[in-house]
Amino acid sequence: MTESKTCNIGLSVGTRIIGFAVLCAGTLLEYKVLTFKERWSKTKLVLIVSSLKTLLSRYNIAHIGIKTPAPSYCTQTLLQVIKGLQQELTRMERPFCMYTVDDLKGYCLPDMKGNKKSLSEYVGNKYPELFMRHKRESKSKNAHYIKLFEATIAAELSKTENAQ
């Protein structure tokens, strides 16, 4: 566990792909896209939640930002993931903030002009270690790393929101 600094974690949740990013003092310590290929089941939900619990225990997390889809885009299984995560964080007495893509855009694209590609460009330019992933993502038809970029912005946003 990183004891000396408090960190922020951002999550972009899905039922198959979850992006996460850990920021400490403005430095991106860890980032990854986790893939859960199994068919949907209660076991898969437990696996997703336990993976995230492991992440939380690895760092001294002060702020948690979770990017979720707009309610109109949520499936029943995605709602189960979000609810399971909320219940676990509440049980662990970990405060968290929930964000939509519009919240993320409002934070890093104040004029709200842009799309998810603009979000990845923002992250790629701010964090050099993610620049090549941004370039790869911009050329790809499959948006694999967008969850990673959303998670990074959610981590930043959770810090600023909790600091107020």
Protein backbone atom coordinates (compact mmCIF):
# COMPACT_ATOMS: atom_id res chain seq x y z
CA MET A 1 0.00 0.00 0.00
CA THR A 2 1.20 3.51 -0.80
CA GLU A 3 1.12 4.96 2.73
CA SER A 4 2.76 8.36 2.38
CA LYS A 5 0.38 9.83 -0.20
CA THR A 6 -3.33 9.70 -0.55
CA CYS A 7 -4.42 8.66 -3.99
CA ASN A 8 -7.49 8.92 -6.18
CA ILE A 9 -8.89 6.09 -8.20
CA GLY A 10 -11.13 6.43 -11.19
CA LEU A 11 -13.24 3.59 -12.55
CA SER A 12 -15.18 3.31 -15.77
CA VAL A 13 -17.45 0.35 -15.29
CA GLY A 14 -19.03 -2.11 -17.66
CA THR A 15 -20.06 -5.74 -17.50
CA ARG A 16 -17.21 -6.90 -19.73
CA ILE A 17 -14.57 -4.16 -19.58
CA ILE A 18 -13.60 -1.96 -16.64
CA GLY A 19 -10.98 0.75 -16.85
CA PHE A 20 -9.16 2.04 -13.81
CA ALA A 21 -6.56 4.69 -13.11
CA VAL A 22 -4.77 5.54 -9.86
CA LEU A 23 -3.47 9.08 -9.42
CA CYS A 24 -1.21 10.21 -6.57
CA ALA A 25 -0.10 13.84 -6.40
CA GLY A 26 -0.86 14.27 -10.10
CA THR A 27 1.17 11.21 -11.10
CA LEU A 28 -0.47 8.28 -12.83
CA LEU A 29 0.70 5.29 -10.75
CA GLU A 30 -1.29 2.47 -12.27
CA TYR A 31 -3.76 2.15 -15.10
CA LYS A 32 -5.29 -0.79 -16.83
CA VAL A 33 -8.29 -2.17 -18.66
CA LEU A 34 -9.66 -5.27 -16.95
CA THR A 35 -11.58 -7.71 -19.12
CA PHE A 36 -14.19 -10.14 -17.82
CA LYS A 37 -15.10 -12.43 -20.72
CA GLU A 38 -17.26 -14.90 -18.80
CA ARG A 39 -21.01 -15.09 -19.36
CA TRP A 40 -23.03 -13.03 -16.93
CA SER A 41 -23.62 -14.65 -13.55
CA LYS A 42 -23.55 -13.82 -9.85
CA THR A 43 -20.04 -15.31 -9.80
CA LYS A 44 -18.93 -12.81 -12.42
CA LEU A 45 -20.35 -9.97 -10.32
CA VAL A 46 -18.41 -11.22 -7.28
CA LEU A 47 -15.26 -11.49 -9.40
CA ILE A 48 -15.63 -7.88 -10.64
CA VAL A 49 -16.26 -6.47 -7.16
CA SER A 50 -13.40 -8.46 -5.59
CA SER A 51 -11.00 -7.27 -8.32
CA LEU A 52 -11.86 -3.69 -7.46
CA LYS A 53 -11.56 -4.35 -3.71
CA THR A 54 -8.02 -5.62 -4.33
CA LEU A 55 -7.18 -2.39 -6.13
CA LEU A 56 -8.55 -0.28 -3.29
CA SER A 57 -6.46 -2.15 -0.74
CA ARG A 58 -3.27 -1.68 -2.75
CA TYR A 59 -3.25 2.12 -2.38
CA ASN A 60 -4.18 4.73 0.21
CA ILE A 61 -7.29 5.82 -1.70
CA ALA A 62 -8.92 9.04 -0.54
CA HIS A 63 -11.20 9.79 -3.48
CA ILE A 64 -13.10 7.41 -5.75
CA GLY A 65 -14.69 8.53 -9.00
CA ILE A 66 -16.89 6.14 -10.94
CA LYS A 67 -17.94 6.85 -14.52
CA THR A 68 -21.22 5.18 -15.37
CA PRO A 69 -23.32 5.34 -18.50
CA ALA A 70 -26.38 7.55 -18.58
CA PRO A 71 -29.37 5.69 -17.08
CA SER A 72 -30.93 5.24 -20.53
CA TYR A 73 -27.86 3.21 -21.60
CA CYS A 74 -27.75 0.92 -18.56
CA THR A 75 -28.68 -2.73 -18.93
CA GLN A 76 -29.94 -4.79 -16.00
CA THR A 77 -26.56 -6.51 -15.69
CA LEU A 78 -24.68 -3.20 -15.71
CA LEU A 79 -27.02 -1.89 -13.02
CA GLN A 80 -26.14 -4.99 -10.96
CA VAL A 81 -22.42 -4.21 -11.31
CA ILE A 82 -22.94 -0.58 -10.29
CA LYS A 83 -25.17 -1.54 -7.36
CA GLY A 84 -22.73 -4.25 -6.23
CA LEU A 85 -19.86 -1.78 -6.34
CA GLN A 86 -21.87 0.89 -4.48
CA GLN A 87 -22.85 -1.62 -1.78
CA GLU A 88 -19.27 -2.79 -1.32
CA LEU A 89 -17.89 0.77 -1.12
CA THR A 90 -20.61 1.71 1.37
CA ARG A 91 -19.83 -1.41 3.43
CA MET A 92 -16.14 -0.44 3.39
CA GLU A 93 -17.13 3.13 4.36
CA ARG A 94 -15.45 4.53 1.24
CA PRO A 95 -17.01 7.71 -0.14
CA PHE A 96 -17.40 7.83 -3.90
CA CYS A 97 -18.79 10.08 -6.62
CA MET A 98 -20.65 8.94 -9.73
CA TYR A 99 -20.16 10.67 -13.08
CA THR A 100 -21.61 10.47 -16.57
CA VAL A 101 -19.72 11.19 -19.77
CA ASP A 102 -21.25 14.69 -19.73
CA ASP A 103 -19.69 15.29 -16.30
CA LEU A 104 -16.31 14.24 -17.66
CA LYS A 105 -16.71 16.49 -20.70
CA GLY A 106 -17.73 19.40 -18.49
CA TYR A 107 -14.54 18.97 -16.48
CA CYS A 108 -11.97 18.66 -19.26
CA LEU A 109 -13.84 20.23 -22.20
CA PRO A 110 -15.49 23.29 -20.60
CA ASP A 111 -17.18 24.38 -23.85
CA MET A 112 -18.74 20.85 -24.03
CA LYS A 113 -17.76 20.61 -27.68
CA GLY A 114 -16.28 17.23 -28.33
CA ASN A 115 -16.89 13.55 -28.03
CA LYS A 116 -15.21 10.57 -26.41
CA LYS A 117 -12.36 10.97 -28.86
CA SER A 118 -11.79 14.45 -27.41
CA LEU A 119 -11.66 12.92 -23.93
CA SER A 120 -8.96 10.47 -25.03
CA GLU A 121 -7.01 13.33 -26.61
CA TYR A 122 -7.20 15.30 -23.34
CA VAL A 123 -5.82 12.32 -21.38
CA GLY A 124 -3.19 11.47 -24.00
CA ASN A 125 -1.87 15.03 -23.96
CA LYS A 126 -1.88 15.35 -20.16
CA TYR A 127 -0.33 11.95 -19.36
CA PRO A 128 2.58 11.07 -21.67
CA GLU A 129 2.44 7.41 -20.63
CA LEU A 130 -1.03 7.19 -22.21
CA PHE A 131 -0.22 9.15 -25.37
CA MET A 132 0.53 6.07 -27.49
CA ARG A 133 -2.69 4.40 -26.32
CA HIS A 134 -4.56 7.54 -27.37
CA LYS A 135 -2.91 7.42 -30.80
CA ARG A 136 -3.72 3.70 -31.17
CA GLU A 137 -7.31 4.31 -30.05
CA SER A 138 -7.81 7.16 -32.54
CA LYS A 139 -6.84 4.85 -35.43
CA SER A 140 -8.90 1.88 -34.23
CA LYS A 141 -12.51 1.10 -35.04
CA ASN A 142 -12.87 -0.66 -31.67
CA ALA A 143 -12.78 1.68 -28.70
CA HIS A 144 -10.83 -0.55 -26.30
CA TYR A 145 -9.03 2.06 -24.21
CA ILE A 146 -11.86 4.58 -23.83
CA LYS A 147 -12.67 3.06 -20.43
CA LEU A 148 -9.08 3.80 -19.37
CA PHE A 149 -9.33 7.43 -20.48
CA GLU A 150 -12.70 7.87 -18.77
CA ALA A 151 -11.32 6.35 -15.55
CA THR A 152 -8.36 8.74 -15.59
CA ILE A 153 -10.64 11.76 -15.89
CA ALA A 154 -12.96 10.37 -13.17
CA ALA A 155 -9.95 10.10 -10.84
CA GLU A 156 -9.02 13.74 -11.53
CA LEU A 157 -12.59 14.92 -11.14
CA SER A 158 -13.11 13.07 -7.85
CA LYS A 159 -10.10 14.86 -6.37
CA THR A 160 -11.31 18.32 -7.40
CA GLU A 161 -14.90 17.65 -6.33
CA ASN A 162 -13.89 16.32 -2.90
CA ALA A 163 -11.44 19.19 -2.38
CA GLN A 164 -14.26 21.75 -2.52
